[in-house]
Amino acid sequence: MSQRPPHRRPEQGDDRRQRQQPQYRQQSRAGGVQKVEQGDEYVHVRFRNLEDFATIRTPDWAAHAAQDIAPGAEVRTGKLKGSGEWQTESVLIPAPVDGQTAARLATRIVQRIGE
């Protein structure tokens, strides 16, 4: 019977620990949910101010990533003015859903798409 090497806990500063944890840049940069607006068909969960963007798009790939969390959700991404970096502007969660649940689902979607 072969022996397994002893389990080693990563030391502080060990780069393997950082690689194991996903990085969610969106929440730290945008500060999380900024505004939740209730509409007839969607609850609009904003992560950034619309005026921060030069271009806004609703990519199919982001909607596909959101389907397991909130079927029918749409993700709006945009190119930031001045930097050219693309970030999530908002997520639209299909109604009926309360604002708190919509914010939680939208945050999970943003995390899933890896921002």
PDB file of N, CA and C in Angstrom:
ATOM      1  N   MET A   1       0.846  -1.162   0.000  1.00  0.00           N
ATOM      2  CA  MET A   1       0.000   0.000   0.000  1.00  0.00           C
ATOM      3  C   MET A   1       0.901   1.238   0.000  1.00  0.00           C
ATOM      4  N   SER A   2       0.673   2.155  -0.929  1.00  0.00           N
ATOM      5  CA  SER A   2       1.504   3.354  -0.994  1.00  0.00           C
ATOM      6  C   SER A   2       0.998   4.393   0.000  1.00  0.00           C
ATOM      7  N   GLN A   3       1.932   5.149   0.509  1.00  0.00           N
ATOM      8  CA  GLN A   3       1.571   6.183   1.466  1.00  0.00           C
ATOM      9  C   GLN A   3       1.405   7.507   0.755  1.00  0.00           C
ATOM     10  N   ARG A   4       0.427   8.257   1.191  1.00  0.00           N
ATOM     11  CA  ARG A   4       0.210   9.587   0.645  1.00  0.00           C
ATOM     12  C   ARG A   4       1.052  10.572   1.429  1.00  0.00           C
ATOM     13  N   PRO A   5       1.557  11.592   0.741  1.00  0.00           N
ATOM     14  CA  PRO A   5       2.320  12.599   1.480  1.00  0.00           C
ATOM     15  C   PRO A   5       1.406  13.320   2.472  1.00  0.00           C
ATOM     16  N   PRO A   6       1.952  13.789   3.594  1.00  0.00           N
ATOM     17  CA  PRO A   6       1.119  14.481   4.582  1.00  0.00           C
ATOM     18  C   PRO A   6       0.522  15.759   3.989  1.00  0.00           C
ATOM     19  N   HIS A   7      -0.689  16.055   4.418  1.00  0.00           N
ATOM     20  CA  HIS A   7      -1.364  17.273   3.956  1.00  0.00           C
ATOM     21  C   HIS A   7      -0.637  18.487   4.524  1.00  0.00           C
ATOM     22  N   ARG A   8      -0.394  19.465   3.679  1.00  0.00           N
ATOM     23  CA  ARG A   8       0.298  20.678   4.095  1.00  0.00           C
ATOM     24  C   ARG A   8      -0.645  21.857   3.924  1.00  0.00           C
ATOM     25  N   ARG A   9      -0.845  22.615   4.977  1.00  0.00           N
ATOM     26  CA  ARG A   9      -1.663  23.822   4.895  1.00  0.00           C
ATOM     27  C   ARG A   9      -0.823  24.926   4.269  1.00  0.00           C
ATOM     28  N   PRO A  10      -1.411  25.698   3.366  1.00  0.00           N
ATOM     29  CA  PRO A  10      -0.658  26.797   2.755  1.00  0.00           C
ATOM     30  C   PRO A  10      -0.265  27.839   3.792  1.00  0.00           C
ATOM     31  N   GLU A  11       0.938  28.280   3.699  1.00  0.00           N
ATOM     32  CA  GLU A  11       1.413  29.345   4.581  1.00  0.00           C
ATOM     33  C   GLU A  11       0.881  30.679   4.091  1.00  0.00           C
ATOM     34  N   GLN A  12       0.853  31.650   4.992  1.00  0.00           N
ATOM     35  CA  GLN A  12       0.420  32.983   4.583  1.00  0.00           C
ATOM     36  C   GLN A  12       1.381  33.481   3.513  1.00  0.00           C
ATOM     37  N   GLY A  13       0.812  34.012   2.435  1.00  0.00           N
ATOM     38  CA  GLY A  13       1.629  34.484   1.323  1.00  0.00           C
ATOM     39  C   GLY A  13       1.885  33.412   0.277  1.00  0.00           C
ATOM     40  N   ASP A  14       1.476  32.175   0.569  1.00  0.00           N
ATOM     41  CA  ASP A  14       1.642  31.078  -0.391  1.00  0.00           C
ATOM     42  C   ASP A  14       0.709  31.340  -1.566  1.00  0.00           C
ATOM     43  N   ASP A  15       1.261  31.444  -2.775  1.00  0.00           N
ATOM     44  CA  ASP A  15       0.446  31.809  -3.935  1.00  0.00           C
ATOM     45  C   ASP A  15      -0.557  30.726  -4.325  1.00  0.00           C
ATOM     46  N   ARG A  16      -0.392  29.485  -3.840  1.00  0.00           N
ATOM     47  CA  ARG A  16      -1.373  28.451  -4.145  1.00  0.00           C
ATOM     48  C   ARG A  16      -2.722  28.769  -3.503  1.00  0.00           C
ATOM     49  N   ARG A  17      -2.730  29.359  -2.347  1.00  0.00           N
ATOM     50  CA  ARG A  17      -3.972  29.724  -1.681  1.00  0.00           C
ATOM     51  C   ARG A  17      -4.737  30.737  -2.534  1.00  0.00           C
ATOM     52  N   GLN A  18      -4.065  31.685  -3.111  1.00  0.00           N
ATOM     53  CA  GLN A  18      -4.711  32.703  -3.915  1.00  0.00           C
ATOM     54  C   GLN A  18      -5.267  32.109  -5.202  1.00  0.00           C
ATOM     55  N   ARG A  19      -4.587  31.135  -5.776  1.00  0.00           N
ATOM     56  CA  ARG A  19      -5.081  30.522  -7.003  1.00  0.00           C
ATOM     57  C   ARG A  19      -6.326  29.689  -6.744  1.00  0.00           C
ATOM     58  N   GLN A  20      -6.494  29.158  -5.537  1.00  0.00           N
ATOM     59  CA  GLN A  20      -7.640  28.326  -5.230  1.00  0.00           C
ATOM     60  C   GLN A  20      -8.912  29.147  -5.044  1.00  0.00           C
ATOM     61  N   GLN A  21      -8.782  30.405  -4.681  1.00  0.00           N
ATOM     62  CA  GLN A  21      -9.950  31.235  -4.440  1.00  0.00           C
ATOM     63  C   GLN A  21     -10.230  32.096  -5.661  1.00  0.00           C
ATOM     64  N   PRO A  22     -11.469  32.034  -6.195  1.00  0.00           N
ATOM     65  CA  PRO A  22     -11.786  32.867  -7.360  1.00  0.00           C
ATOM     66  C   PRO A  22     -11.764  34.344  -7.001  1.00  0.00           C
ATOM     67  N   GLN A  23     -11.423  35.152  -7.956  1.00  0.00           N
ATOM     68  CA  GLN A  23     -11.371  36.596  -7.759  1.00  0.00           C
ATOM     69  C   GLN A  23     -12.596  37.225  -8.390  1.00  0.00           C
ATOM     70  N   TYR A  24     -13.375  37.951  -7.630  1.00  0.00           N
ATOM     71  CA  TYR A  24     -14.576  38.611  -8.124  1.00  0.00           C
ATOM     72  C   TYR A  24     -14.331  40.106  -8.116  1.00  0.00           C
ATOM     73  N   ARG A  25     -13.763  40.589  -9.189  1.00  0.00           N
ATOM     74  CA  ARG A  25     -13.385  41.998  -9.274  1.00  0.00           C
ATOM     75  C   ARG A  25     -14.584  42.933  -9.256  1.00  0.00           C
ATOM     76  N   GLN A  26     -15.699  42.507  -9.802  1.00  0.00           N
ATOM     77  CA  GLN A  26     -16.860  43.393  -9.924  1.00  0.00           C
ATOM     78  C   GLN A  26     -17.289  43.955  -8.578  1.00  0.00           C
ATOM     79  N   GLN A  27     -17.431  43.130  -7.581  1.00  0.00           N
ATOM     80  CA  GLN A  27     -17.937  43.601  -6.308  1.00  0.00           C
ATOM     81  C   GLN A  27     -16.970  44.558  -5.631  1.00  0.00           C
ATOM     82  N   SER A  28     -15.700  44.285  -5.701  1.00  0.00           N
ATOM     83  CA  SER A  28     -14.762  45.176  -5.034  1.00  0.00           C
ATOM     84  C   SER A  28     -14.639  46.510  -5.759  1.00  0.00           C
ATOM     85  N   ARG A  29     -14.700  46.503  -7.072  1.00  0.00           N
ATOM     86  CA  ARG A  29     -14.585  47.750  -7.827  1.00  0.00           C
ATOM     87  C   ARG A  29     -15.870  48.556  -7.808  1.00  0.00           C
ATOM     88  N   ALA A  30     -16.980  47.867  -7.964  1.00  0.00           N
ATOM     89  CA  ALA A  30     -18.256  48.571  -8.049  1.00  0.00           C
ATOM     90  C   ALA A  30     -18.910  48.725  -6.689  1.00  0.00           C
ATOM     91  N   GLY A  31     -18.399  48.040  -5.671  1.00  0.00           N
ATOM     92  CA  GLY A  31     -18.964  48.158  -4.345  1.00  0.00           C
ATOM     93  C   GLY A  31     -20.274  47.404  -4.164  1.00  0.00           C
ATOM     94  N   GLY A  32     -20.555  46.428  -5.004  1.00  0.00           N
ATOM     95  CA  GLY A  32     -21.781  45.660  -4.876  1.00  0.00           C
ATOM     96  C   GLY A  32     -22.962  46.372  -5.511  1.00  0.00           C
ATOM     97  N   VAL A  33     -24.141  45.985  -5.102  1.00  0.00           N
ATOM     98  CA  VAL A  33     -25.372  46.538  -5.665  1.00  0.00           C
ATOM     99  C   VAL A  33     -25.498  48.001  -5.278  1.00  0.00           C
ATOM    100  N   GLN A  34     -25.732  48.852  -6.268  1.00  0.00           N
ATOM    101  CA  GLN A  34     -25.914  50.280  -6.011  1.00  0.00           C
ATOM    102  C   GLN A  34     -27.372  50.686  -5.973  1.00  0.00           C
ATOM    103  N   LYS A  35     -28.213  50.012  -6.778  1.00  0.00           N
ATOM    104  CA  LYS A  35     -29.613  50.413  -6.866  1.00  0.00           C
ATOM    105  C   LYS A  35     -30.444  49.251  -7.381  1.00  0.00           C
ATOM    106  N   VAL A  36     -31.659  49.119  -6.848  1.00  0.00           N
ATOM    107  CA  VAL A  36     -32.602  48.106  -7.314  1.00  0.00           C
ATOM    108  C   VAL A  36     -33.881  48.832  -7.707  1.00  0.00           C
ATOM    109  N   GLU A  37     -34.300  48.627  -8.967  1.00  0.00           N
ATOM    110  CA  GLU A  37     -35.498  49.285  -9.490  1.00  0.00           C
ATOM    111  C   GLU A  37     -36.513  48.234  -9.933  1.00  0.00           C
ATOM    112  N   GLN A  38     -37.721  48.315  -9.409  1.00  0.00           N
ATOM    113  CA  GLN A  38     -38.777  47.373  -9.747  1.00  0.00           C
ATOM    114  C   GLN A  38     -39.477  47.827 -11.023  1.00  0.00           C
ATOM    115  N   GLY A  39     -39.564  46.936 -12.010  1.00  0.00           N
ATOM    116  CA  GLY A  39     -40.275  47.235 -13.247  1.00  0.00           C
ATOM    117  C   GLY A  39     -41.400  46.238 -13.457  1.00  0.00           C
ATOM    118  N   ASP A  40     -42.133  46.377 -14.557  1.00  0.00           N
ATOM    119  CA  ASP A  40     -43.242  45.459 -14.839  1.00  0.00           C
ATOM    120  C   ASP A  40     -42.746  44.062 -15.213  1.00  0.00           C
ATOM    121  N   GLU A  41     -41.692  44.012 -16.047  1.00  0.00           N
ATOM    122  CA  GLU A  41     -41.200  42.727 -16.545  1.00  0.00           C
ATOM    123  C   GLU A  41     -39.916  42.263 -15.852  1.00  0.00           C
ATOM    124  N   TYR A  42     -39.112  43.206 -15.355  1.00  0.00           N
ATOM    125  CA  TYR A  42     -37.825  42.888 -14.744  1.00  0.00           C
ATOM    126  C   TYR A  42     -37.611  43.714 -13.482  1.00  0.00           C
ATOM    127  N   VAL A  43     -36.748  43.181 -12.619  1.00  0.00           N
ATOM    128  CA  VAL A  43     -36.194  43.973 -11.528  1.00  0.00           C
ATOM    129  C   VAL A  43     -34.773  44.307 -11.978  1.00  0.00           C
ATOM    130  N   HIS A  44     -34.476  45.589 -12.080  1.00  0.00           N
ATOM    131  CA  HIS A  44     -33.206  46.078 -12.613  1.00  0.00           C
ATOM    132  C   HIS A  44     -32.250  46.305 -11.446  1.00  0.00           C
ATOM    133  N   VAL A  45     -31.182  45.501 -11.385  1.00  0.00           N
ATOM    134  CA  VAL A  45     -30.195  45.583 -10.309  1.00  0.00           C
ATOM    135  C   VAL A  45     -28.935  46.224 -10.886  1.00  0.00           C
ATOM    136  N   ARG A  46     -28.636  47.435 -10.427  1.00  0.00           N
ATOM    137  CA  ARG A  46     -27.472  48.182 -10.950  1.00  0.00           C
ATOM    138  C   ARG A  46     -26.247  47.984 -10.057  1.00  0.00           C
ATOM    139  N   PHE A  47     -25.104  47.774 -10.728  1.00  0.00           N
ATOM    140  CA  PHE A  47     -23.827  47.647 -10.036  1.00  0.00           C
ATOM    141  C   PHE A  47     -22.944  48.872 -10.256  1.00  0.00           C
ATOM    142  N   ARG A  48     -23.189  49.599 -11.329  1.00  0.00           N
ATOM    143  CA  ARG A  48     -22.418  50.804 -11.658  1.00  0.00           C
ATOM    144  C   ARG A  48     -23.355  51.825 -12.280  1.00  0.00           C
ATOM    145  N   ASN A  49     -22.923  53.070 -12.241  1.00  0.00           N
ATOM    146  CA  ASN A  49     -23.677  54.167 -12.831  1.00  0.00           C
ATOM    147  C   ASN A  49     -23.596  54.078 -14.355  1.00  0.00           C
ATOM    148  N   LEU A  50     -24.726  54.180 -15.009  1.00  0.00           N
ATOM    149  CA  LEU A  50     -24.787  54.116 -16.468  1.00  0.00           C
ATOM    150  C   LEU A  50     -23.885  55.158 -17.121  1.00  0.00           C
ATOM    151  N   GLU A  51     -23.717  56.294 -16.488  1.00  0.00           N
ATOM    152  CA  GLU A  51     -22.897  57.377 -17.045  1.00  0.00           C
ATOM    153  C   GLU A  51     -21.395  57.065 -17.046  1.00  0.00           C
ATOM    154  N   ASP A  52     -20.977  55.995 -16.365  1.00  0.00           N
ATOM    155  CA  ASP A  52     -19.565  55.592 -16.340  1.00  0.00           C
ATOM    156  C   ASP A  52     -19.133  54.893 -17.631  1.00  0.00           C
ATOM    157  N   PHE A  53     -20.087  54.584 -18.503  1.00  0.00           N
ATOM    158  CA  PHE A  53     -19.819  53.745 -19.664  1.00  0.00           C
ATOM    159  C   PHE A  53     -19.905  54.517 -20.982  1.00  0.00           C
ATOM    160  N   ALA A  54     -19.017  54.134 -21.901  1.00  0.00           N
ATOM    161  CA  ALA A  54     -19.048  54.684 -23.257  1.00  0.00           C
ATOM    162  C   ALA A  54     -19.971  53.854 -24.139  1.00  0.00           C
ATOM    163  N   THR A  55     -20.043  52.548 -23.875  1.00  0.00           N
ATOM    164  CA  THR A  55     -20.830  51.606 -24.666  1.00  0.00           C
ATOM    165  C   THR A  55     -21.480  50.601 -23.729  1.00  0.00           C
ATOM    166  N   ILE A  56     -22.731  50.231 -24.013  1.00  0.00           N
ATOM    167  CA  ILE A  56     -23.428  49.201 -23.233  1.00  0.00           C
ATOM    168  C   ILE A  56     -23.905  48.118 -24.198  1.00  0.00           C
ATOM    169  N   ARG A  57     -23.721  46.849 -23.781  1.00  0.00           N
ATOM    170  CA  ARG A  57     -24.180  45.712 -24.577  1.00  0.00           C
ATOM    171  C   ARG A  57     -24.846  44.690 -23.670  1.00  0.00           C
ATOM    172  N   THR A  58     -25.662  43.830 -24.260  1.00  0.00           N
ATOM    173  CA  THR A  58     -26.294  42.718 -23.546  1.00  0.00           C
ATOM    174  C   THR A  58     -25.845  41.436 -24.249  1.00  0.00           C
ATOM    175  N   PRO A  59     -24.676  40.909 -23.868  1.00  0.00           N
ATOM    176  CA  PRO A  59     -24.122  39.754 -24.588  1.00  0.00           C
ATOM    177  C   PRO A  59     -24.862  38.446 -24.287  1.00  0.00           C
ATOM    178  N   ASP A  60     -25.005  37.628 -25.321  1.00  0.00           N
ATOM    179  CA  ASP A  60     -25.658  36.324 -25.171  1.00  0.00           C
ATOM    180  C   ASP A  60     -24.890  35.415 -24.216  1.00  0.00           C
ATOM    181  N   TRP A  61     -23.550  35.458 -24.261  1.00  0.00           N
ATOM    182  CA  TRP A  61     -22.757  34.563 -23.417  1.00  0.00           C
ATOM    183  C   TRP A  61     -23.033  34.814 -21.933  1.00  0.00           C
ATOM    184  N   ALA A  62     -23.269  36.079 -21.562  1.00  0.00           N
ATOM    185  CA  ALA A  62     -23.549  36.395 -20.157  1.00  0.00           C
ATOM    186  C   ALA A  62     -24.939  35.902 -19.761  1.00  0.00           C
ATOM    187  N   ALA A  63     -25.907  36.018 -20.662  1.00  0.00           N
ATOM    188  CA  ALA A  63     -27.259  35.512 -20.385  1.00  0.00           C
ATOM    189  C   ALA A  63     -27.235  33.995 -20.216  1.00  0.00           C
ATOM    190  N   HIS A  64     -26.436  33.308 -21.024  1.00  0.00           N
ATOM    191  CA  HIS A  64     -26.315  31.849 -20.902  1.00  0.00           C
ATOM    192  C   HIS A  64     -25.724  31.479 -19.542  1.00  0.00           C
ATOM    193  N   ALA A  65     -24.743  32.228 -19.084  1.00  0.00           N
ATOM    194  CA  ALA A  65     -24.122  31.963 -17.783  1.00  0.00           C
ATOM    195  C   ALA A  65     -25.102  32.193 -16.642  1.00  0.00           C
ATOM    196  N   ALA A  66     -26.067  33.071 -16.839  1.00  0.00           N
ATOM    197  CA  ALA A  66     -27.029  33.428 -15.793  1.00  0.00           C
ATOM    198  C   ALA A  66     -28.199  32.455 -15.692  1.00  0.00           C
ATOM    199  N   GLN A  67     -28.435  31.632 -16.697  1.00  0.00           N
ATOM    200  CA  GLN A  67     -29.648  30.818 -16.772  1.00  0.00           C
ATOM    201  C   GLN A  67     -29.841  29.853 -15.614  1.00  0.00           C
ATOM    202  N   ASP A  68     -28.762  29.283 -15.082  1.00  0.00           N
ATOM    203  CA  ASP A  68     -28.893  28.348 -13.961  1.00  0.00           C
ATOM    204  C   ASP A  68     -29.314  29.059 -12.676  1.00  0.00           C
ATOM    205  N   ILE A  69     -29.003  30.318 -12.576  1.00  0.00           N
ATOM    206  CA  ILE A  69     -29.306  31.081 -11.364  1.00  0.00           C
ATOM    207  C   ILE A  69     -30.672  31.745 -11.458  1.00  0.00           C
ATOM    208  N   ALA A  70     -30.955  32.393 -12.572  1.00  0.00           N
ATOM    209  CA  ALA A  70     -32.229  33.090 -12.774  1.00  0.00           C
ATOM    210  C   ALA A  70     -32.621  32.986 -14.250  1.00  0.00           C
ATOM    211  N   PRO A  71     -33.406  31.968 -14.604  1.00  0.00           N
ATOM    212  CA  PRO A  71     -33.817  31.810 -16.002  1.00  0.00           C
ATOM    213  C   PRO A  71     -34.468  33.083 -16.545  1.00  0.00           C
ATOM    214  N   GLY A  72     -34.007  33.504 -17.732  1.00  0.00           N
ATOM    215  CA  GLY A  72     -34.546  34.704 -18.357  1.00  0.00           C
ATOM    216  C   GLY A  72     -33.826  35.987 -17.981  1.00  0.00           C
ATOM    217  N   ALA A  73     -32.823  35.894 -17.106  1.00  0.00           N
ATOM    218  CA  ALA A  73     -32.079  37.086 -16.691  1.00  0.00           C
ATOM    219  C   ALA A  73     -31.244  37.621 -17.849  1.00  0.00           C
ATOM    220  N   GLU A  74     -31.028  38.915 -17.844  1.00  0.00           N
ATOM    221  CA  GLU A  74     -30.178  39.575 -18.829  1.00  0.00           C
ATOM    222  C   GLU A  74     -29.071  40.317 -18.093  1.00  0.00           C
ATOM    223  N   VAL A  75     -27.884  40.289 -18.676  1.00  0.00           N
ATOM    224  CA  VAL A  75     -26.731  40.959 -18.088  1.00  0.00           C
ATOM    225  C   VAL A  75     -26.284  42.057 -19.038  1.00  0.00           C
ATOM    226  N   ARG A  76     -26.191  43.275 -18.529  1.00  0.00           N
ATOM    227  CA  ARG A  76     -25.722  44.402 -19.339  1.00  0.00           C
ATOM    228  C   ARG A  76     -24.289  44.713 -18.956  1.00  0.00           C
ATOM    229  N   THR A  77     -23.425  44.645 -19.952  1.00  0.00           N
ATOM    230  CA  THR A  77     -22.022  44.968 -19.732  1.00  0.00           C
ATOM    231  C   THR A  77     -21.687  46.234 -20.512  1.00  0.00           C
ATOM    232  N   GLY A  78     -20.634  46.903 -20.090  1.00  0.00           N
ATOM    233  CA  GLY A  78     -20.264  48.126 -20.768  1.00  0.00           C
ATOM    234  C   GLY A  78     -18.775  48.368 -20.760  1.00  0.00           C
ATOM    235  N   LYS A  79     -18.357  49.181 -21.722  1.00  0.00           N
ATOM    236  CA  LYS A  79     -16.968  49.592 -21.836  1.00  0.00           C
ATOM    237  C   LYS A  79     -16.831  50.912 -21.069  1.00  0.00           C
ATOM    238  N   LEU A  80     -15.996  50.903 -20.030  1.00  0.00           N
ATOM    239  CA  LEU A  80     -15.837  52.082 -19.186  1.00  0.00           C
ATOM    240  C   LEU A  80     -15.192  53.231 -19.956  1.00  0.00           C
ATOM    241  N   LYS A  81     -15.689  54.426 -19.713  1.00  0.00           N
ATOM    242  CA  LYS A  81     -15.098  55.619 -20.336  1.00  0.00           C
ATOM    243  C   LYS A  81     -13.658  55.781 -19.859  1.00  0.00           C
ATOM    244  N   GLY A  82     -12.786  56.091 -20.780  1.00  0.00           N
ATOM    245  CA  GLY A  82     -11.402  56.374 -20.429  1.00  0.00           C
ATOM    246  C   GLY A  82     -10.484  55.178 -20.307  1.00  0.00           C
ATOM    247  N   SER A  83     -10.998  54.008 -19.880  1.00  0.00           N
ATOM    248  CA  SER A  83     -10.103  52.866 -19.676  1.00  0.00           C
ATOM    249  C   SER A  83     -10.268  51.791 -20.739  1.00  0.00           C
ATOM    250  N   GLY A  84     -11.448  51.689 -21.321  1.00  0.00           N
ATOM    251  CA  GLY A  84     -11.690  50.638 -22.298  1.00  0.00           C
ATOM    252  C   GLY A  84     -11.972  49.284 -21.678  1.00  0.00           C
ATOM    253  N   GLU A  85     -11.985  49.197 -20.358  1.00  0.00           N
ATOM    254  CA  GLU A  85     -12.240  47.945 -19.661  1.00  0.00           C
ATOM    255  C   GLU A  85     -13.745  47.659 -19.645  1.00  0.00           C
ATOM    256  N   TRP A  86     -14.104  46.398 -19.834  1.00  0.00           N
ATOM    257  CA  TRP A  86     -15.512  45.995 -19.807  1.00  0.00           C
ATOM    258  C   TRP A  86     -15.885  45.532 -18.412  1.00  0.00           C
ATOM    259  N   GLN A  87     -17.038  46.010 -17.907  1.00  0.00           N
ATOM    260  CA  GLN A  87     -17.549  45.656 -16.587  1.00  0.00           C
ATOM    261  C   GLN A  87     -19.057  45.448 -16.672  1.00  0.00           C
ATOM    262  N   THR A  88     -19.620  44.780 -15.679  1.00  0.00           N
ATOM    263  CA  THR A  88     -21.066  44.622 -15.606  1.00  0.00           C
ATOM    264  C   THR A  88     -21.686  45.920 -15.122  1.00  0.00           C
ATOM    265  N   GLU A  89     -22.640  46.429 -15.885  1.00  0.00           N
ATOM    266  CA  GLU A  89     -23.378  47.639 -15.477  1.00  0.00           C
ATOM    267  C   GLU A  89     -24.578  47.241 -14.636  1.00  0.00           C
ATOM    268  N   SER A  90     -25.348  46.241 -15.110  1.00  0.00           N
ATOM    269  CA  SER A  90     -26.537  45.836 -14.378  1.00  0.00           C
ATOM    270  C   SER A  90     -26.982  44.440 -14.795  1.00  0.00           C
ATOM    271  N   VAL A  91     -27.879  43.887 -13.985  1.00  0.00           N
ATOM    272  CA  VAL A  91     -28.493  42.595 -14.273  1.00  0.00           C
ATOM    273  C   VAL A  91     -29.998  42.780 -14.153  1.00  0.00           C
ATOM    274  N   LEU A  92     -30.732  42.265 -15.121  1.00  0.00           N
ATOM    275  CA  LEU A  92     -32.190  42.318 -15.093  1.00  0.00           C
ATOM    276  C   LEU A  92     -32.718  40.935 -14.729  1.00  0.00           C
ATOM    277  N   ILE A  93     -33.436  40.869 -13.617  1.00  0.00           N
ATOM    278  CA  ILE A  93     -34.015  39.617 -13.132  1.00  0.00           C
ATOM    279  C   ILE A  93     -35.504  39.623 -13.476  1.00  0.00           C
ATOM    280  N   PRO A  94     -36.013  38.571 -14.134  1.00  0.00           N
ATOM    281  CA  PRO A  94     -37.431  38.552 -14.512  1.00  0.00           C
ATOM    282  C   PRO A  94     -38.355  38.667 -13.301  1.00  0.00           C
ATOM    283  N   ALA A  95     -39.394  39.484 -13.435  1.00  0.00           N
ATOM    284  CA  ALA A  95     -40.414  39.632 -12.399  1.00  0.00           C
ATOM    285  C   ALA A  95     -41.364  38.430 -12.498  1.00  0.00           C
ATOM    286  N   PRO A  96     -42.092  38.098 -11.466  1.00  0.00           N
ATOM    287  CA  PRO A  96     -42.146  38.766 -10.177  1.00  0.00           C
ATOM    288  C   PRO A  96     -41.090  38.225  -9.223  1.00  0.00           C
ATOM    289  N   VAL A  97     -40.382  39.117  -8.586  1.00  0.00           N
ATOM    290  CA  VAL A  97     -39.405  38.785  -7.550  1.00  0.00           C
ATOM    291  C   VAL A  97     -39.200  40.046  -6.714  1.00  0.00           C
ATOM    292  N   ASP A  98     -38.992  39.882  -5.424  1.00  0.00           N
ATOM    293  CA  ASP A  98     -38.777  41.061  -4.590  1.00  0.00           C
ATOM    294  C   ASP A  98     -37.354  41.593  -4.793  1.00  0.00           C
ATOM    295  N   GLY A  99     -37.141  42.832  -4.419  1.00  0.00           N
ATOM    296  CA  GLY A  99     -35.863  43.496  -4.642  1.00  0.00           C
ATOM    297  C   GLY A  99     -34.687  42.831  -3.965  1.00  0.00           C
ATOM    298  N   GLN A 100     -34.876  42.354  -2.741  1.00  0.00           N
ATOM    299  CA  GLN A 100     -33.784  41.718  -2.005  1.00  0.00           C
ATOM    300  C   GLN A 100     -33.358  40.414  -2.681  1.00  0.00           C
ATOM    301  N   THR A 101     -34.314  39.625  -3.105  1.00  0.00           N
ATOM    302  CA  THR A 101     -34.001  38.374  -3.807  1.00  0.00           C
ATOM    303  C   THR A 101     -33.333  38.669  -5.147  1.00  0.00           C
ATOM    304  N   ALA A 102     -33.835  39.673  -5.866  1.00  0.00           N
ATOM    305  CA  ALA A 102     -33.241  40.054  -7.152  1.00  0.00           C
ATOM    306  C   ALA A 102     -31.786  40.483  -6.972  1.00  0.00           C
ATOM    307  N   ALA A 103     -31.503  41.261  -5.922  1.00  0.00           N
ATOM    308  CA  ALA A 103     -30.127  41.706  -5.659  1.00  0.00           C
ATOM    309  C   ALA A 103     -29.219  40.517  -5.359  1.00  0.00           C
ATOM    310  N   ARG A 104     -29.725  39.565  -4.587  1.00  0.00           N
ATOM    311  CA  ARG A 104     -28.932  38.372  -4.254  1.00  0.00           C
ATOM    312  C   ARG A 104     -28.653  37.543  -5.507  1.00  0.00           C
ATOM    313  N   LEU A 105     -29.675  37.334  -6.349  1.00  0.00           N
ATOM    314  CA  LEU A 105     -29.498  36.567  -7.584  1.00  0.00           C
ATOM    315  C   LEU A 105     -28.546  37.281  -8.545  1.00  0.00           C
ATOM    316  N   ALA A 106     -28.694  38.592  -8.672  1.00  0.00           N
ATOM    317  CA  ALA A 106     -27.828  39.366  -9.571  1.00  0.00           C
ATOM    318  C   ALA A 106     -26.374  39.300  -9.121  1.00  0.00           C
ATOM    319  N   THR A 107     -26.157  39.359  -7.831  1.00  0.00           N
ATOM    320  CA  THR A 107     -24.789  39.265  -7.299  1.00  0.00           C
ATOM    321  C   THR A 107     -24.191  37.899  -7.616  1.00  0.00           C
ATOM    322  N   ARG A 108     -24.972  36.840  -7.474  1.00  0.00           N
ATOM    323  CA  ARG A 108     -24.485  35.505  -7.822  1.00  0.00           C
ATOM    324  C   ARG A 108     -24.156  35.400  -9.306  1.00  0.00           C
ATOM    325  N   ILE A 109     -24.960  36.027 -10.146  1.00  0.00           N
ATOM    326  CA  ILE A 109     -24.706  36.008 -11.593  1.00  0.00           C
ATOM    327  C   ILE A 109     -23.394  36.721 -11.907  1.00  0.00           C
ATOM    328  N   VAL A 110     -23.183  37.880 -11.319  1.00  0.00           N
ATOM    329  CA  VAL A 110     -21.940  38.632 -11.558  1.00  0.00           C
ATOM    330  C   VAL A 110     -20.751  37.798 -11.093  1.00  0.00           C
ATOM    331  N   GLN A 111     -20.877  37.120  -9.975  1.00  0.00           N
ATOM    332  CA  GLN A 111     -19.796  36.254  -9.483  1.00  0.00           C
ATOM    333  C   GLN A 111     -19.543  35.115 -10.460  1.00  0.00           C
ATOM    334  N   ARG A 112     -20.594  34.539 -10.992  1.00  0.00           N
ATOM    335  CA  ARG A 112     -20.440  33.424 -11.916  1.00  0.00           C
ATOM    336  C   ARG A 112     -19.698  33.829 -13.188  1.00  0.00           C
ATOM    337  N   ILE A 113     -19.999  35.012 -13.712  1.00  0.00           N
ATOM    338  CA  ILE A 113     -19.330  35.404 -14.949  1.00  0.00           C
ATOM    339  C   ILE A 113     -17.893  35.856 -14.674  1.00  0.00           C
ATOM    340  N   GLY A 114     -17.520  35.844 -13.400  1.00  0.00           N
ATOM    341  CA  GLY A 114     -16.119  36.017 -13.045  1.00  0.00           C
ATOM    342  C   GLY A 114     -15.602  37.427 -13.019  1.00  0.00           C
ATOM    343  N   GLU A 115     -16.446  38.355 -12.710  1.00  0.00           N
ATOM    344  CA  GLU A 115     -15.958  39.731 -12.632  1.00  0.00           C
ATOM    345  C   GLU A 115     -15.650  40.091 -11.232  1.00  0.00           C
TER     346      GLU A 115
END
